[in-house]
Protein backbone atom coordinates (compact mmCIF):
# COMPACT_ATOMS: atom_id res chain seq x y z
CA MET A 1 272.48 47.88 6.00
CA LEU A 2 270.91 50.51 3.89
CA ARG A 3 268.19 48.18 2.55
CA PHE A 4 267.59 47.18 6.07
CA ILE A 5 266.93 50.34 7.57
CA TYR A 6 265.09 51.17 4.84
CA VAL A 7 262.69 48.40 5.13
CA ILE A 8 262.18 49.25 8.92
CA ILE A 9 261.49 52.81 8.03
CA MET A 10 259.14 51.96 5.43
CA ARG A 11 257.41 49.37 7.33
CA ILE A 12 256.68 51.05 10.49
CA PRO A 13 252.96 50.89 10.14
CA SER A 14 253.31 47.03 9.49
CA ILE A 15 255.62 46.55 12.42
CA ILE A 16 253.05 48.34 14.79
CA TRP A 17 250.30 45.98 13.43
CA PHE A 18 251.92 42.56 13.20
CA VAL A 19 254.41 42.50 15.95
CA PRO A 20 251.77 42.39 18.36
CA LYS A 21 249.59 40.19 15.98
CA MET A 22 252.32 37.37 16.14
CA ALA A 23 252.90 37.77 19.71
CA HIS A 24 249.09 37.26 20.18
CA TYR A 25 249.19 34.03 18.02
CA ALA A 26 252.01 32.61 20.06
CA LYS A 27 250.17 33.18 23.30
CA HIS A 28 247.14 31.41 22.24
CA PRO A 29 247.93 28.00 20.52
CA GLU A 30 244.58 26.85 21.23
CA LYS A 31 243.04 29.62 19.02
CA TYR A 32 245.57 29.49 16.23
CA SER A 33 246.98 26.26 14.72
CA GLU A 34 250.55 25.72 13.36
CA GLU A 35 249.15 26.45 9.82
CA ASP A 36 247.52 29.85 10.82
CA CYS A 37 250.85 30.91 12.35
CA TYR A 38 252.82 29.95 9.22
CA ARG A 39 250.67 31.54 7.00
CA LEU A 40 251.04 34.61 9.02
CA ALA A 41 254.53 34.23 8.94
CA GLN A 42 254.48 34.17 5.28
CA VAL A 43 252.52 37.34 4.82
CA VAL A 44 255.21 39.16 7.02
CA ILE A 45 257.68 37.76 4.86
CA ASP A 46 256.12 38.94 1.71
CA LYS A 47 255.86 42.41 2.71
CA VAL A 48 259.35 42.52 3.98
CA ARG A 49 260.57 40.95 0.48
CA ARG A 50 258.34 43.35 -1.91
CA THR A 51 259.57 46.49 -0.05
CA ALA A 52 263.33 45.27 0.13
CA ARG A 53 262.71 44.60 -3.58
CA VAL A 54 264.16 41.13 -3.46
CA THR A 55 262.87 38.12 -5.76
CA THR A 56 263.86 34.59 -4.85
CA GLU A 57 264.00 31.57 -7.43
CA TYR A 58 263.28 28.18 -6.11
CA GLU A 59 264.38 25.05 -7.54
CA GLY A 60 264.07 21.41 -6.35
CA LYS A 61 260.77 21.64 -4.62
CA GLU A 62 259.73 17.93 -5.91
CA ASN A 63 262.62 17.29 -3.42
CA LEU A 64 260.68 17.91 -0.32
CA PRO A 65 259.16 14.72 1.10
CA ASP A 66 255.52 14.30 1.67
CA GLY A 67 253.61 12.76 4.86
CA SER A 68 256.87 12.74 7.20
CA GLY A 69 258.83 15.32 8.95
CA TYR A 70 262.41 16.56 7.80
CA MET A 71 264.89 18.76 8.55
CA MET A 72 266.71 21.17 6.32
CA PHE A 73 270.37 21.88 6.53
CA ALA A 74 271.39 25.45 4.52
CA ASN A 75 274.10 27.33 4.30
CA HIS A 76 274.13 31.07 6.18
CA GLN A 77 274.78 33.99 4.31
CA GLY A 78 272.83 36.83 6.22
CA LYS A 79 269.53 38.23 7.44
CA TYR A 80 267.40 37.11 4.43
CA ASP A 81 268.50 33.38 4.39
CA ALA A 82 265.20 32.30 6.64
CA LEU A 83 263.02 34.75 5.14
CA GLY A 84 264.01 33.61 1.54
CA ILE A 85 263.34 29.72 2.27
CA PHE A 86 260.12 30.07 4.31
CA ALA A 87 258.80 32.41 1.38
CA GLY A 88 258.96 29.54 -0.78
CA HIS A 89 258.26 26.53 1.39
CA GLU A 90 254.68 26.02 1.77
CA ARG A 91 254.74 23.35 4.25
CA THR A 92 254.53 24.66 7.80
CA CYS A 93 258.31 24.53 8.99
CA SER A 94 260.04 25.98 12.30
CA VAL A 95 263.90 27.27 12.93
CA LEU A 96 266.75 26.73 14.99
CA MET A 97 268.06 29.86 16.21
CA ASP A 98 270.75 31.40 18.46
CA LYS A 99 269.35 32.14 22.00
CA LYS A 100 270.71 35.67 21.90
CA ARG A 101 269.77 36.91 18.32
CA SER A 102 266.47 35.00 18.94
CA ASN A 103 265.16 37.36 22.09
CA MET A 104 265.67 40.70 19.78
CA PHE A 105 262.58 42.69 18.91
CA ILE A 106 260.73 41.06 15.89
CA ALA A 107 262.72 38.02 15.78
CA LYS A 108 261.22 37.11 19.26
CA GLN A 109 257.72 37.56 18.20
CA PHE A 110 258.55 35.46 14.94
CA ILE A 111 260.18 32.72 16.65
CA ASP A 112 257.84 32.46 19.36
CA MET A 113 255.04 32.34 16.77
CA LEU A 114 256.81 29.59 14.87
CA GLY A 115 257.44 27.44 17.92
CA GLY A 116 260.99 27.68 17.13
CA GLN A 117 263.75 26.41 19.33
CA ARG A 118 266.63 28.73 20.70
CA ILE A 119 269.95 27.25 21.43
CA ASP A 120 272.75 28.68 23.78
CA ARG A 121 275.91 28.21 22.79
CA ARG A 122 277.25 28.75 26.33
CA SER A 123 275.47 25.61 28.06
CA PRO A 124 275.86 21.97 26.45
CA LYS A 125 273.23 20.83 28.86
CA GLN A 126 270.68 23.25 27.06
CA GLN A 127 271.76 22.19 23.70
CA ILE A 128 271.19 18.62 24.65
CA THR A 129 267.65 19.45 25.43
CA VAL A 130 267.10 21.36 22.27
CA ILE A 131 268.39 18.54 20.13
CA ASN A 132 266.01 16.09 21.80
CA ASN A 133 263.06 18.58 21.52
CA MET A 134 263.72 18.91 17.86
CA ALA A 135 264.13 15.20 17.33
CA ARG A 136 261.13 14.44 19.31
CA GLU A 137 258.89 16.84 17.30
CA VAL A 138 260.45 15.96 13.86
CA ALA A 139 259.55 12.57 14.59
CA GLU A 140 256.08 13.41 15.23
CA GLY A 141 255.88 15.29 11.60
CA ARG A 142 257.14 18.93 12.21
CA ASN A 143 259.79 20.28 9.82
CA TYR A 144 262.78 22.26 10.76
CA LEU A 145 265.26 24.68 9.28
CA ILE A 146 268.94 24.75 10.59
CA PHE A 147 271.82 26.70 9.67
CA PRO A 148 274.86 24.73 10.65
CA GLU A 149 277.43 27.44 9.98
CA GLY A 150 275.83 28.81 13.33
CA GLY A 151 276.66 32.57 12.17
CA TYR A 152 277.23 34.51 8.57
CA GLY A 153 279.88 37.12 9.78
CA LYS A 154 279.95 39.67 7.03
CA LYS A 155 279.78 37.16 4.01
CA ARG A 156 280.07 39.05 0.89
CA ASP A 157 280.07 35.82 -1.55
CA ASN A 158 278.81 32.20 -1.51
CA SER A 159 281.38 30.47 0.21
CA LEU A 160 280.82 28.18 2.64
CA ALA A 161 282.21 28.42 6.70
CA GLU A 162 282.75 25.48 8.71
CA PHE A 163 279.76 23.38 9.73
CA LYS A 164 279.11 22.82 13.44
CA TYR A 165 277.95 18.97 13.58
CA GLY A 166 276.29 18.89 16.93
CA CYS A 167 273.02 19.79 15.47
CA PHE A 168 273.29 16.98 13.11
CA THR A 169 272.45 14.52 16.32
CA SER A 170 268.84 15.81 16.05
CA ALA A 171 268.48 14.44 12.77
CA ILE A 172 270.02 10.94 13.65
CA LYS A 173 267.72 10.78 16.78
CA ALA A 174 264.58 11.45 14.57
CA GLN A 175 265.82 8.94 11.88
CA CYS A 176 264.47 11.70 9.48
CA PRO A 177 264.98 12.79 5.79
CA VAL A 178 267.97 15.18 5.82
CA ILE A 179 267.31 18.02 3.07
CA PRO A 180 270.49 20.01 2.06
CA VAL A 181 269.27 23.39 1.02
CA VAL A 182 271.82 25.78 -1.08
CA LEU A 183 271.23 29.62 -0.73
CA LEU A 184 272.68 31.81 -3.59
CA ASP A 185 273.55 35.68 -3.39
CA SER A 186 271.24 35.60 -0.01
CA TRP A 187 273.92 37.77 1.38
CA LYS A 188 273.03 40.54 -0.85
CA PRO A 189 269.71 41.83 0.15
CA PHE A 190 270.79 43.34 3.74
CA GLY A 191 274.68 42.86 3.12
CA MET A 192 275.04 45.17 0.32
CA ASN A 193 274.84 49.20 0.74
CA SER A 194 272.07 49.61 -2.09
CA LEU A 195 268.56 49.69 -3.02
CA LYS A 196 268.89 48.16 -6.41
CA LYS A 197 266.69 45.02 -7.24
CA ILE A 198 268.46 41.89 -5.92
CA HIS A 199 267.58 38.15 -7.19
CA THR A 200 268.45 35.32 -4.99
CA LYS A 201 268.03 31.73 -5.27
CA VAL A 202 267.14 28.52 -2.86
CA ILE A 203 267.95 24.94 -4.15
CA TYR A 204 266.21 22.02 -2.30
CA LEU A 205 268.99 19.00 -3.00
CA PRO A 206 267.58 15.39 -2.95
CA PRO A 207 266.78 14.13 0.40
CA ILE A 208 269.19 12.02 2.21
CA PRO A 209 267.17 9.22 3.64
CA TYR A 210 267.64 7.82 6.89
CA GLU A 211 268.46 4.39 5.38
CA GLU A 212 271.71 6.18 3.37
CA TYR A 213 272.80 8.03 6.67
CA GLU A 214 272.28 4.84 9.24
CA GLY A 215 275.30 4.15 11.40
CA MET A 216 276.89 7.43 10.75
CA LYS A 217 277.92 9.87 13.48
CA ALA A 218 276.74 13.19 13.26
CA LYS A 219 280.47 14.65 12.13
CA GLU A 220 279.97 12.08 9.03
CA LEU A 221 276.47 13.34 8.09
CA CYS A 222 277.54 16.84 8.57
CA ALA A 223 280.48 16.44 6.33
CA LEU A 224 277.92 14.62 3.46
CA VAL A 225 275.72 17.58 3.65
CA LYS A 226 278.40 20.15 3.53
CA GLU A 227 279.94 18.33 0.44
CA ARG A 228 276.90 18.08 -1.46
CA ILE A 229 275.76 21.93 -0.30
CA ALA A 230 279.50 22.72 -1.93
CA ARG A 231 279.45 20.64 -4.78
CA GLU A 232 275.74 22.45 -5.77
CA ILE A 233 277.39 25.93 -5.22
CA GLU A 234 280.59 24.92 -7.41
CA ARG A 235 278.19 23.83 -9.88
CA GLN A 236 275.98 26.85 -10.14
CA GLU A 237 279.09 29.36 -10.22
CA SER A 238 280.53 27.43 -13.15
CA GLU A 239 277.11 27.79 -15.09
CA ARG A 240 277.07 31.65 -14.25
CA LEU A 241 280.97 31.73 -15.44
CA ALA A 242 280.15 29.90 -18.62
CA GLU A 243 277.13 31.96 -19.52
CA ALA A 244 278.83 35.19 -18.67
CA SER A 245 282.13 33.93 -21.43
């Protein structure tokens, strides 16, 4: 929390400048393309990252498909998660976010500008509409980032919580490549009461093509993605232990 407050205070001039600018971009899609909006988002993220004294290492970028829309499903650890992924993800991308959180100051302007989807956990009907919207957009070439754990609570390690399988229906409907994404130490930037430098890692695992999960139900695809993320986290932490010993 200390780092989060520090970033807000140090970036007050940027907030005053960029929040209205993001809102303006969102209101005028006829003037600002999806690429324009995404590049502005990356500029904002970079300022946050540098002020927060966070560096992020990326592995597996070659696994991101070219020429088609895809969905990335990542483990969820904290406020830095989406920022860490977007900072090193060159292709335009949007995100699925809880409706209540997405309407908070700054988050609202950010999600509006990226054309993100908001999901209302209290409304099954609205959830179906969102799933169908994402499926249609991805089939048309857009990319989406989704956190199937839903929330992150007060994580202090790289453990996984339960994955909610409903969001995987959108991938099945879109028949798109599914990219499991591993976040390591992403809870630290805004979860530790410290201002010391932090290093996080984003790993894009090999895509799961539609041909591999064709015929699966959402619950089965969810289990497959979670298993691959869990296996990679275990491998990474085993390597860390080996290096430390």
